[in-house]
Amino acid sequence: MNKRYQNALSCFLGLALAASTASAHRLWLLPSSHVLSGTDHWVTVDAAVSNDLFFPNHVALAPESIQIIEPDGEFGTIENAMKGHIRGTFDFHVSKEGTYRVLNQREGYFARWTEGGEGKRMRGDLAELKEAGVFAKEGVAVMKSLSRLETAVTVNNPTVDVFASTGEGIEFVPVTHPNDLFANETVTFGFLLNGEPAEGLEVEVVRGDDRYRDEPGLQTLVTDAEGQIEISFDEPGRYWLDTSSSQDAGTLEGAPLSLRYGLTMTFEVLPE
């Protein structure tokens, strides 16, 4: 499955950066159902970047940038895709038991330098930066980004195969399955950073419909030595989770290199 993920990488670095904090424009995927019974259903997914969760009011995400990973690892088919100004939407058919993963994975490079007294910058893949001669620019600094935006849909019983680690970036570990969440129950979420437990990761969680609250109710937690957090939810609803990590990584083609990894998820909490 790792190779298939690699082949499907898309480059939307600007959107990845937009989701760096809970107060910025936030990326989200919102399925019409998170849990279904039976094996012949359709799920509609909205995909957008917005100020309010989950109200499209800023930029649409392109449906073609999104993958459906079926419970057996096969890729599902996106149908009836549409991208408007502020919301993307599509359907997919669920006919297999287990957990589907809806994934938007983004990877790219961002370079910044000063030329003739003017600040310059360029986004793209490594080949594009090399072709543009970016690494020959005086004072250039480069950042590599790998971010994931995802949600899960389960038919009948939850499964975990779709969460298998690729060993790259921040990845979710379903210690508690994201489709098995109930209000006022303590659950455990795990995170990996490049395949290892992500200790010290700051994780933000907030319930949707925040436009109707004076106090957003943001929870900020830090992962322990096993890369895990424990969290409970006071109210049922749809929630948004975001975390990221940045680090220096030596040099690339002689330029200082930093790495930025991100993970954003949406999930549903049912009444107790």
Foldseek 3Di string as FASTA:
>chain_A
DLVVVVVLAAADVVLVVQCADLQGFHWAKDKPAQEAEAFWDKIKIKTFTGRAPPDFDAAEDFPSQKWKQAPVRDTWDWAPWDGDGGITMTMTTGGDAAKIKIKRKHKWKKKWDADPNRIDIDIGHPVVCVVVVVLVGPQMAMEIEIEMYMEMHGYDDYDCPVQDDSLAFKGKDPPPPLAPAAAPDKGKIAIDHSRAGDFFWKKWKFFGPCVPDPDRPIDIDTAHNRRMDIDHHNDWHKMKMKIKDKDWDQDDSRHTYMYMGMYMYMGTHHYD
